[in-house]
Amino acid sequence: TLGIKEMDHMSPRLRAFLSEPIGEKDVCWVDGISHELAINLVTKGINKAYILLGQFLLMHKNEAEFQRWLICCCGATECEAQQSSNCLKEWCACFL
């Protein structure tokens, strides 16, 4: 788990996502996923955070590759791609 010092530098949304297991959370819970991007992901069958996490894991937690995929295939902005890959990376560090 993360220490207090690391948590201080996180957005409230990232802190909330990292506070518990993913469970059945919708994809929009992932930090960096805007409403518009969530709609794009849902139309591709990625409606849950654990499905997006699965894609990240299939890419061997390679942030650059995951970000390219989010931008090219799902219409994410660079900022959204960076935030969401960081969110999933941090979640993996806490729970895997």
PDB file of N, CA and C in Angstrom:
ATOM      1  N   THR A   1       0.839  -1.198   0.000  1.00  0.00           N
ATOM      2  CA  THR A   1       0.000   0.000   0.000  1.00  0.00           C
ATOM      3  C   THR A   1       0.872   1.247   0.000  1.00  0.00           C
ATOM      4  N   LEU A   2       0.266   2.365  -0.343  1.00  0.00           N
ATOM      5  CA  LEU A   2       0.989   3.618  -0.437  1.00  0.00           C
ATOM      6  C   LEU A   2       1.039   4.310   0.912  1.00  0.00           C
ATOM      7  N   GLY A   3       2.126   5.022   1.137  1.00  0.00           N
ATOM      8  CA  GLY A   3       2.248   5.796   2.356  1.00  0.00           C
ATOM      9  C   GLY A   3       1.516   7.121   2.239  1.00  0.00           C
ATOM     10  N   ILE A   4       1.391   7.802   3.353  1.00  0.00           N
ATOM     11  CA  ILE A   4       0.700   9.094   3.393  1.00  0.00           C
ATOM     12  C   ILE A   4       1.362  10.091   2.445  1.00  0.00           C
ATOM     13  N   LYS A   5       2.688  10.118   2.399  1.00  0.00           N
ATOM     14  CA  LYS A   5       3.417  11.076   1.557  1.00  0.00           C
ATOM     15  C   LYS A   5       3.055  10.908   0.081  1.00  0.00           C
ATOM     16  N   GLU A   6       3.005   9.649  -0.403  1.00  0.00           N
ATOM     17  CA  GLU A   6       2.651   9.410  -1.806  1.00  0.00           C
ATOM     18  C   GLU A   6       1.206   9.830  -2.088  1.00  0.00           C
ATOM     19  N   MET A   7       0.311   9.575  -1.139  1.00  0.00           N
ATOM     20  CA  MET A   7      -1.107   9.885  -1.332  1.00  0.00           C
ATOM     21  C   MET A   7      -1.330  11.400  -1.443  1.00  0.00           C
ATOM     22  N   ASP A   8      -0.487  12.205  -0.787  1.00  0.00           N
ATOM     23  CA  ASP A   8      -0.636  13.659  -0.817  1.00  0.00           C
ATOM     24  C   ASP A   8      -0.533  14.234  -2.226  1.00  0.00           C
ATOM     25  N   HIS A   9       0.235  13.576  -3.077  1.00  0.00           N
ATOM     26  CA  HIS A   9       0.496  14.106  -4.421  1.00  0.00           C
ATOM     27  C   HIS A   9      -0.521  13.617  -5.452  1.00  0.00           C
ATOM     28  N   MET A  10      -1.553  12.904  -5.015  1.00  0.00           N
ATOM     29  CA  MET A  10      -2.527  12.326  -5.945  1.00  0.00           C
ATOM     30  C   MET A  10      -3.803  13.150  -5.988  1.00  0.00           C
ATOM     31  N   SER A  11      -4.453  13.107  -7.149  1.00  0.00           N
ATOM     32  CA  SER A  11      -5.752  13.758  -7.274  1.00  0.00           C
ATOM     33  C   SER A  11      -6.756  12.997  -6.394  1.00  0.00           C
ATOM     34  N   PRO A  12      -7.809  13.668  -5.949  1.00  0.00           N
ATOM     35  CA  PRO A  12      -8.834  12.974  -5.148  1.00  0.00           C
ATOM     36  C   PRO A  12      -9.415  11.771  -5.881  1.00  0.00           C
ATOM     37  N   ARG A  13      -9.570  11.891  -7.191  1.00  0.00           N
ATOM     38  CA  ARG A  13     -10.139  10.789  -7.975  1.00  0.00           C
ATOM     39  C   ARG A  13      -9.204   9.582  -7.988  1.00  0.00           C
ATOM     40  N   LEU A  14      -7.905   9.818  -8.158  1.00  0.00           N
ATOM     41  CA  LEU A  14      -6.930   8.727  -8.130  1.00  0.00           C
ATOM     42  C   LEU A  14      -6.880   8.109  -6.740  1.00  0.00           C
ATOM     43  N   ARG A  15      -6.874   8.937  -5.718  1.00  0.00           N
ATOM     44  CA  ARG A  15      -6.839   8.448  -4.339  1.00  0.00           C
ATOM     45  C   ARG A  15      -8.056   7.553  -4.062  1.00  0.00           C
ATOM     46  N   ALA A  16      -9.229   7.974  -4.529  1.00  0.00           N
ATOM     47  CA  ALA A  16     -10.450   7.182  -4.330  1.00  0.00           C
ATOM     48  C   ALA A  16     -10.356   5.838  -5.052  1.00  0.00           C
ATOM     49  N   PHE A  17      -9.824   5.848  -6.278  1.00  0.00           N
ATOM     50  CA  PHE A  17      -9.712   4.609  -7.052  1.00  0.00           C
ATOM     51  C   PHE A  17      -8.759   3.629  -6.382  1.00  0.00           C
ATOM     52  N   LEU A  18      -7.689   4.156  -5.786  1.00  0.00           N
ATOM     53  CA  LEU A  18      -6.678   3.298  -5.162  1.00  0.00           C
ATOM     54  C   LEU A  18      -7.056   2.853  -3.754  1.00  0.00           C
ATOM     55  N   SER A  19      -8.157   3.369  -3.234  1.00  0.00           N
ATOM     56  CA  SER A  19      -8.512   3.085  -1.847  1.00  0.00           C
ATOM     57  C   SER A  19      -9.130   1.712  -1.643  1.00  0.00           C
ATOM     58  N   GLU A  20      -9.463   1.015  -2.732  1.00  0.00           N
ATOM     59  CA  GLU A  20     -10.131  -0.284  -2.593  1.00  0.00           C
ATOM     60  C   GLU A  20      -9.959  -1.101  -3.875  1.00  0.00           C
ATOM     61  N   PRO A  21     -10.243  -2.411  -3.789  1.00  0.00           N
ATOM     62  CA  PRO A  21     -10.187  -3.244  -5.005  1.00  0.00           C
ATOM     63  C   PRO A  21     -11.154  -2.728  -6.081  1.00  0.00           C
ATOM     64  N   ILE A  22     -10.873  -3.086  -7.319  1.00  0.00           N
ATOM     65  CA  ILE A  22     -11.686  -2.617  -8.452  1.00  0.00           C
ATOM     66  C   ILE A  22     -13.124  -3.126  -8.371  1.00  0.00           C
ATOM     67  N   GLY A  23     -13.294  -4.397  -8.061  1.00  0.00           N
ATOM     68  CA  GLY A  23     -14.648  -4.952  -8.005  1.00  0.00           C
ATOM     69  C   GLY A  23     -15.393  -4.751  -9.313  1.00  0.00           C
ATOM     70  N   GLU A  24     -16.599  -4.242  -9.225  1.00  0.00           N
ATOM     71  CA  GLU A  24     -17.461  -4.045 -10.398  1.00  0.00           C
ATOM     72  C   GLU A  24     -17.553  -2.572 -10.811  1.00  0.00           C
ATOM     73  N   LYS A  25     -16.556  -1.767 -10.456  1.00  0.00           N
ATOM     74  CA  LYS A  25     -16.605  -0.339 -10.787  1.00  0.00           C
ATOM     75  C   LYS A  25     -16.708  -0.133 -12.286  1.00  0.00           C
ATOM     76  N   ASP A  26     -17.523   0.847 -12.662  1.00  0.00           N
ATOM     77  CA  ASP A  26     -17.621   1.221 -14.068  1.00  0.00           C
ATOM     78  C   ASP A  26     -16.301   1.839 -14.527  1.00  0.00           C
ATOM     79  N   VAL A  27     -16.051   1.801 -15.822  1.00  0.00           N
ATOM     80  CA  VAL A  27     -14.790   2.297 -16.394  1.00  0.00           C
ATOM     81  C   VAL A  27     -14.575   3.778 -16.092  1.00  0.00           C
ATOM     82  N   CYS A  28     -15.658   4.529 -15.920  1.00  0.00           N
ATOM     83  CA  CYS A  28     -15.521   5.972 -15.652  1.00  0.00           C
ATOM     84  C   CYS A  28     -14.893   6.262 -14.288  1.00  0.00           C
ATOM     85  N   TRP A  29     -14.752   5.255 -13.419  1.00  0.00           N
ATOM     86  CA  TRP A  29     -14.081   5.438 -12.131  1.00  0.00           C
ATOM     87  C   TRP A  29     -12.567   5.583 -12.295  1.00  0.00           C
ATOM     88  N   VAL A  30     -12.024   5.095 -13.395  1.00  0.00           N
ATOM     89  CA  VAL A  30     -10.573   5.165 -13.606  1.00  0.00           C
ATOM     90  C   VAL A  30     -10.177   6.623 -13.800  1.00  0.00           C
ATOM     91  N   ASP A  31      -9.180   7.069 -13.037  1.00  0.00           N
ATOM     92  CA  ASP A  31      -8.705   8.444 -13.156  1.00  0.00           C
ATOM     93  C   ASP A  31      -8.243   8.694 -14.588  1.00  0.00           C
ATOM     94  N   GLY A  32      -8.659   9.808 -15.160  1.00  0.00           N
ATOM     95  CA  GLY A  32      -8.284  10.149 -16.523  1.00  0.00           C
ATOM     96  C   GLY A  32      -9.330   9.793 -17.562  1.00  0.00           C
ATOM     97  N   ILE A  33     -10.330   9.021 -17.173  1.00  0.00           N
ATOM     98  CA  ILE A  33     -11.376   8.639 -18.136  1.00  0.00           C
ATOM     99  C   ILE A  33     -12.503   9.664 -18.065  1.00  0.00           C
ATOM    100  N   SER A  34     -12.604  10.488 -19.090  1.00  0.00           N
ATOM    101  CA  SER A  34     -13.665  11.498 -19.168  1.00  0.00           C
ATOM    102  C   SER A  34     -14.986  10.827 -19.562  1.00  0.00           C
ATOM    103  N   HIS A  35     -16.057  11.591 -19.467  1.00  0.00           N
ATOM    104  CA  HIS A  35     -17.377  11.076 -19.866  1.00  0.00           C
ATOM    105  C   HIS A  35     -17.354  10.637 -21.337  1.00  0.00           C
ATOM    106  N   GLU A  36     -16.755  11.464 -22.197  1.00  0.00           N
ATOM    107  CA  GLU A  36     -16.707  11.158 -23.631  1.00  0.00           C
ATOM    108  C   GLU A  36     -15.887   9.897 -23.897  1.00  0.00           C
ATOM    109  N   LEU A  37     -14.750   9.780 -23.234  1.00  0.00           N
ATOM    110  CA  LEU A  37     -13.905   8.598 -23.421  1.00  0.00           C
ATOM    111  C   LEU A  37     -14.601   7.355 -22.884  1.00  0.00           C
ATOM    112  N   ALA A  38     -15.309   7.499 -21.773  1.00  0.00           N
ATOM    113  CA  ALA A  38     -16.055   6.362 -21.214  1.00  0.00           C
ATOM    114  C   ALA A  38     -17.086   5.858 -22.220  1.00  0.00           C
ATOM    115  N   ILE A  39     -17.762   6.771 -22.902  1.00  0.00           N
ATOM    116  CA  ILE A  39     -18.745   6.379 -23.923  1.00  0.00           C
ATOM    117  C   ILE A  39     -18.053   5.600 -25.040  1.00  0.00           C
ATOM    118  N   ASN A  40     -16.898   6.094 -25.497  1.00  0.00           N
ATOM    119  CA  ASN A  40     -16.140   5.396 -26.542  1.00  0.00           C
ATOM    120  C   ASN A  40     -15.743   3.995 -26.086  1.00  0.00           C
ATOM    121  N   LEU A  41     -15.284   3.886 -24.846  1.00  0.00           N
ATOM    122  CA  LEU A  41     -14.865   2.585 -24.318  1.00  0.00           C
ATOM    123  C   LEU A  41     -16.048   1.628 -24.203  1.00  0.00           C
ATOM    124  N   VAL A  42     -17.170   2.121 -23.701  1.00  0.00           N
ATOM    125  CA  VAL A  42     -18.360   1.281 -23.540  1.00  0.00           C
ATOM    126  C   VAL A  42     -18.824   0.752 -24.896  1.00  0.00           C
ATOM    127  N   THR A  43     -18.755   1.589 -25.939  1.00  0.00           N
ATOM    128  CA  THR A  43     -19.173   1.118 -27.274  1.00  0.00           C
ATOM    129  C   THR A  43     -18.246   0.019 -27.786  1.00  0.00           C
ATOM    130  N   LYS A  44     -17.023  -0.054 -27.242  1.00  0.00           N
ATOM    131  CA  LYS A  44     -16.086  -1.121 -27.607  1.00  0.00           C
ATOM    132  C   LYS A  44     -16.175  -2.315 -26.652  1.00  0.00           C
ATOM    133  N   GLY A  45     -17.158  -2.281 -25.753  1.00  0.00           N
ATOM    134  CA  GLY A  45     -17.347  -3.389 -24.827  1.00  0.00           C
ATOM    135  C   GLY A  45     -16.538  -3.280 -23.544  1.00  0.00           C
ATOM    136  N   ILE A  46     -15.907  -2.137 -23.335  1.00  0.00           N
ATOM    137  CA  ILE A  46     -15.091  -1.934 -22.127  1.00  0.00           C
ATOM    138  C   ILE A  46     -15.894  -1.060 -21.173  1.00  0.00           C
ATOM    139  N   ASN A  47     -16.816  -1.686 -20.463  1.00  0.00           N
ATOM    140  CA  ASN A  47     -17.703  -0.929 -19.580  1.00  0.00           C
ATOM    141  C   ASN A  47     -17.281  -0.977 -18.118  1.00  0.00           C
ATOM    142  N   LYS A  48     -16.349  -1.849 -17.771  1.00  0.00           N
ATOM    143  CA  LYS A  48     -15.912  -1.992 -16.383  1.00  0.00           C
ATOM    144  C   LYS A  48     -14.426  -1.679 -16.269  1.00  0.00           C
ATOM    145  N   ALA A  49     -14.035  -1.155 -15.104  1.00  0.00           N
ATOM    146  CA  ALA A  49     -12.630  -0.828 -14.852  1.00  0.00           C
ATOM    147  C   ALA A  49     -11.750  -2.066 -14.965  1.00  0.00           C
ATOM    148  N   TYR A  50     -12.266  -3.230 -14.515  1.00  0.00           N
ATOM    149  CA  TYR A  50     -11.438  -4.442 -14.578  1.00  0.00           C
ATOM    150  C   TYR A  50     -11.166  -4.885 -16.008  1.00  0.00           C
ATOM    151  N   ILE A  51     -12.036  -4.543 -16.951  1.00  0.00           N
ATOM    152  CA  ILE A  51     -11.792  -4.885 -18.355  1.00  0.00           C
ATOM    153  C   ILE A  51     -10.660  -4.002 -18.901  1.00  0.00           C
ATOM    154  N   LEU A  52     -10.694  -2.713 -18.545  1.00  0.00           N
ATOM    155  CA  LEU A  52      -9.614  -1.811 -18.962  1.00  0.00           C
ATOM    156  C   LEU A  52      -8.299  -2.241 -18.317  1.00  0.00           C
ATOM    157  N   LEU A  53      -8.349  -2.635 -17.054  1.00  0.00           N
ATOM    158  CA  LEU A  53      -7.157  -3.154 -16.373  1.00  0.00           C
ATOM    159  C   LEU A  53      -6.638  -4.391 -17.099  1.00  0.00           C
ATOM    160  N   GLY A  54      -7.536  -5.256 -17.536  1.00  0.00           N
ATOM    161  CA  GLY A  54      -7.131  -6.454 -18.278  1.00  0.00           C
ATOM    162  C   GLY A  54      -6.376  -6.106 -19.545  1.00  0.00           C
ATOM    163  N   GLN A  55      -6.816  -5.074 -20.243  1.00  0.00           N
ATOM    164  CA  GLN A  55      -6.116  -4.628 -21.453  1.00  0.00           C
ATOM    165  C   GLN A  55      -4.709  -4.144 -21.094  1.00  0.00           C
ATOM    166  N   PHE A  56      -4.610  -3.386 -20.004  1.00  0.00           N
ATOM    167  CA  PHE A  56      -3.314  -2.894 -19.512  1.00  0.00           C
ATOM    168  C   PHE A  56      -2.393  -4.073 -19.184  1.00  0.00           C
ATOM    169  N   LEU A  57      -2.937  -5.100 -18.546  1.00  0.00           N
ATOM    170  CA  LEU A  57      -2.140  -6.275 -18.184  1.00  0.00           C
ATOM    171  C   LEU A  57      -1.741  -7.085 -19.420  1.00  0.00           C
ATOM    172  N   LEU A  58      -2.649  -7.186 -20.407  1.00  0.00           N
ATOM    173  CA  LEU A  58      -2.321  -7.886 -21.656  1.00  0.00           C
ATOM    174  C   LEU A  58      -1.154  -7.213 -22.379  1.00  0.00           C
ATOM    175  N   MET A  59      -1.009  -5.913 -22.156  1.00  0.00           N
ATOM    176  CA  MET A  59       0.103  -5.165 -22.751  1.00  0.00           C
ATOM    177  C   MET A  59       1.311  -5.162 -21.818  1.00  0.00           C
ATOM    178  N   HIS A  60       1.316  -6.092 -20.868  1.00  0.00           N
ATOM    179  CA  HIS A  60       2.437  -6.271 -19.931  1.00  0.00           C
ATOM    180  C   HIS A  60       2.754  -5.007 -19.142  1.00  0.00           C
ATOM    181  N   LYS A  61       1.694  -4.248 -18.811  1.00  0.00           N
ATOM    182  CA  LYS A  61       1.811  -3.003 -18.041  1.00  0.00           C
ATOM    183  C   LYS A  61       2.727  -1.984 -18.715  1.00  0.00           C
ATOM    184  N   ASN A  62       2.831  -2.078 -20.048  1.00  0.00           N
ATOM    185  CA  ASN A  62       3.636  -1.133 -20.826  1.00  0.00           C
ATOM    186  C   ASN A  62       2.796   0.136 -21.018  1.00  0.00           C
ATOM    187  N   GLU A  63       3.149   1.168 -20.265  1.00  0.00           N
ATOM    188  CA  GLU A  63       2.346   2.395 -20.288  1.00  0.00           C
ATOM    189  C   GLU A  63       2.304   3.060 -21.662  1.00  0.00           C
ATOM    190  N   ALA A  64       3.441   3.114 -22.352  1.00  0.00           N
ATOM    191  CA  ALA A  64       3.485   3.768 -23.664  1.00  0.00           C
ATOM    192  C   ALA A  64       2.576   3.052 -24.659  1.00  0.00           C
ATOM    193  N   GLU A  65       2.633   1.721 -24.661  1.00  0.00           N
ATOM    194  CA  GLU A  65       1.791   0.943 -25.578  1.00  0.00           C
ATOM    195  C   GLU A  65       0.309   1.115 -25.236  1.00  0.00           C
ATOM    196  N   PHE A  66      -0.010   1.083 -23.954  1.00  0.00           N
ATOM    197  CA  PHE A  66      -1.394   1.254 -23.506  1.00  0.00           C
ATOM    198  C   PHE A  66      -1.907   2.640 -23.885  1.00  0.00           C
ATOM    199  N   GLN A  67      -1.080   3.649 -23.686  1.00  0.00           N
ATOM    200  CA  GLN A  67      -1.480   5.015 -24.036  1.00  0.00           C
ATOM    201  C   GLN A  67      -1.729   5.153 -25.535  1.00  0.00           C
ATOM    202  N   ARG A  68      -0.843   4.574 -26.357  1.00  0.00           N
ATOM    203  CA  ARG A  68      -1.041   4.612 -27.821  1.00  0.00           C
ATOM    204  C   ARG A  68      -2.368   3.959 -28.194  1.00  0.00           C
ATOM    205  N   TRP A  69      -2.645   2.810 -27.578  1.00  0.00           N
ATOM    206  CA  TRP A  69      -3.897   2.101 -27.857  1.00  0.00           C
ATOM    207  C   TRP A  69      -5.100   2.954 -27.479  1.00  0.00           C
ATOM    208  N   LEU A  70      -5.067   3.575 -26.290  1.00  0.00           N
ATOM    209  CA  LEU A  70      -6.181   4.417 -25.852  1.00  0.00           C
ATOM    210  C   LEU A  70      -6.407   5.588 -26.798  1.00  0.00           C
ATOM    211  N   ILE A  71      -5.305   6.191 -27.260  1.00  0.00           N
ATOM    212  CA  ILE A  71      -5.403   7.347 -28.153  1.00  0.00           C
ATOM    213  C   ILE A  71      -5.891   6.919 -29.539  1.00  0.00           C
ATOM    214  N   CYS A  72      -5.238   5.904 -30.102  1.00  0.00           N
ATOM    215  CA  CYS A  72      -5.534   5.494 -31.485  1.00  0.00           C
ATOM    216  C   CYS A  72      -6.862   4.754 -31.615  1.00  0.00           C
ATOM    217  N   CYS A  73      -7.153   3.868 -30.699  1.00  0.00           N
ATOM    218  CA  CYS A  73      -8.320   2.997 -30.836  1.00  0.00           C
ATOM    219  C   CYS A  73      -9.556   3.498 -30.097  1.00  0.00           C
ATOM    220  N   CYS A  74      -9.359   4.343 -29.099  1.00  0.00           N
ATOM    221  CA  CYS A  74     -10.487   4.740 -28.254  1.00  0.00           C
ATOM    222  C   CYS A  74     -10.743   6.236 -28.233  1.00  0.00           C
ATOM    223  N   GLY A  75      -9.891   7.018 -28.890  1.00  0.00           N
ATOM    224  CA  GLY A  75     -10.108   8.459 -28.983  1.00  0.00           C
ATOM    225  C   GLY A  75      -9.715   9.254 -27.757  1.00  0.00           C
ATOM    226  N   ALA A  76      -8.820   8.719 -26.928  1.00  0.00           N
ATOM    227  CA  ALA A  76      -8.366   9.446 -25.739  1.00  0.00           C
ATOM    228  C   ALA A  76      -7.449  10.594 -26.137  1.00  0.00           C
ATOM    229  N   THR A  77      -7.427  11.620 -25.315  1.00  0.00           N
ATOM    230  CA  THR A  77      -6.418  12.664 -25.475  1.00  0.00           C
ATOM    231  C   THR A  77      -5.129  12.139 -24.843  1.00  0.00           C
ATOM    232  N   GLU A  78      -4.027  12.817 -25.121  1.00  0.00           N
ATOM    233  CA  GLU A  78      -2.750  12.416 -24.534  1.00  0.00           C
ATOM    234  C   GLU A  78      -2.822  12.480 -23.003  1.00  0.00           C
ATOM    235  N   CYS A  79      -3.440  13.530 -22.497  1.00  0.00           N
ATOM    236  CA  CYS A  79      -3.572  13.715 -21.047  1.00  0.00           C
ATOM    237  C   CYS A  79      -4.409  12.585 -20.434  1.00  0.00           C
ATOM    238  N   GLU A  80      -5.537  12.258 -21.065  1.00  0.00           N
ATOM    239  CA  GLU A  80      -6.384  11.160 -20.566  1.00  0.00           C
ATOM    240  C   GLU A  80      -5.609   9.842 -20.561  1.00  0.00           C
ATOM    241  N   ALA A  81      -4.866   9.595 -21.631  1.00  0.00           N
ATOM    242  CA  ALA A  81      -4.110   8.349 -21.751  1.00  0.00           C
ATOM    243  C   ALA A  81      -3.050   8.259 -20.652  1.00  0.00           C
ATOM    244  N   GLN A  82      -2.350   9.354 -20.408  1.00  0.00           N
ATOM    245  CA  GLN A  82      -1.317   9.361 -19.371  1.00  0.00           C
ATOM    246  C   GLN A  82      -1.923   9.161 -17.985  1.00  0.00           C
ATOM    247  N   GLN A  83      -2.996   9.884 -17.697  1.00  0.00           N
ATOM    248  CA  GLN A  83      -3.624   9.778 -16.382  1.00  0.00           C
ATOM    249  C   GLN A  83      -4.162   8.380 -16.132  1.00  0.00           C
ATOM    250  N   SER A  84      -4.834   7.818 -17.117  1.00  0.00           N
ATOM    251  CA  SER A  84      -5.449   6.503 -16.900  1.00  0.00           C
ATOM    252  C   SER A  84      -4.392   5.402 -16.818  1.00  0.00           C
ATOM    253  N   SER A  85      -3.326   5.485 -17.605  1.00  0.00           N
ATOM    254  CA  SER A  85      -2.288   4.458 -17.496  1.00  0.00           C
ATOM    255  C   SER A  85      -1.578   4.569 -16.149  1.00  0.00           C
ATOM    256  N   ASN A  86      -1.365   5.792 -15.675  1.00  0.00           N
ATOM    257  CA  ASN A  86      -0.761   5.978 -14.358  1.00  0.00           C
ATOM    258  C   ASN A  86      -1.673   5.417 -13.268  1.00  0.00           C
ATOM    259  N   CYS A  87      -2.958   5.652 -13.391  1.00  0.00           N
ATOM    260  CA  CYS A  87      -3.927   5.150 -12.424  1.00  0.00           C
ATOM    261  C   CYS A  87      -3.869   3.626 -12.347  1.00  0.00           C
ATOM    262  N   LEU A  88      -3.875   2.968 -13.492  1.00  0.00           N
ATOM    263  CA  LEU A  88      -3.836   1.495 -13.510  1.00  0.00           C
ATOM    264  C   LEU A  88      -2.490   0.975 -13.018  1.00  0.00           C
ATOM    265  N   LYS A  89      -1.398   1.666 -13.353  1.00  0.00           N
ATOM    266  CA  LYS A  89      -0.073   1.274 -12.865  1.00  0.00           C
ATOM    267  C   LYS A  89      -0.032   1.358 -11.337  1.00  0.00           C
ATOM    268  N   GLU A  90      -0.541   2.448 -10.789  1.00  0.00           N
ATOM    269  CA  GLU A  90      -0.560   2.628  -9.334  1.00  0.00           C
ATOM    270  C   GLU A  90      -1.453   1.579  -8.668  1.00  0.00           C
ATOM    271  N   TRP A  91      -2.590   1.276  -9.299  1.00  0.00           N
ATOM    272  CA  TRP A  91      -3.496   0.257  -8.742  1.00  0.00           C
ATOM    273  C   TRP A  91      -2.776  -1.086  -8.689  1.00  0.00           C
ATOM    274  N   CYS A  92      -2.057  -1.433  -9.761  1.00  0.00           N
ATOM    275  CA  CYS A  92      -1.307  -2.691  -9.791  1.00  0.00           C
ATOM    276  C   CYS A  92      -0.263  -2.728  -8.680  1.00  0.00           C
ATOM    277  N   ALA A  93       0.409  -1.599  -8.454  1.00  0.00           N
ATOM    278  CA  ALA A  93       1.421  -1.547  -7.408  1.00  0.00           C
ATOM    279  C   ALA A  93       0.811  -1.764  -6.030  1.00  0.00           C
ATOM    280  N   CYS A  94      -0.423  -1.348  -5.854  1.00  0.00           N
ATOM    281  CA  CYS A  94      -1.101  -1.503  -4.559  1.00  0.00           C
ATOM    282  C   CYS A  94      -1.710  -2.893  -4.363  1.00  0.00           C
ATOM    283  N   PHE A  95      -2.244  -3.485  -5.424  1.00  0.00           N
ATOM    284  CA  PHE A  95      -3.084  -4.675  -5.268  1.00  0.00           C
ATOM    285  C   PHE A  95      -2.553  -5.955  -5.900  1.00  0.00           C
ATOM    286  N   LEU A  96      -1.538  -5.863  -6.778  1.00  0.00           N
ATOM    287  CA  LEU A  96      -1.030  -7.104  -7.392  1.00  0.00           C
ATOM    288  C   LEU A  96       0.261  -7.543  -6.747  1.00  0.00           C
TER     289      LEU A  96
END
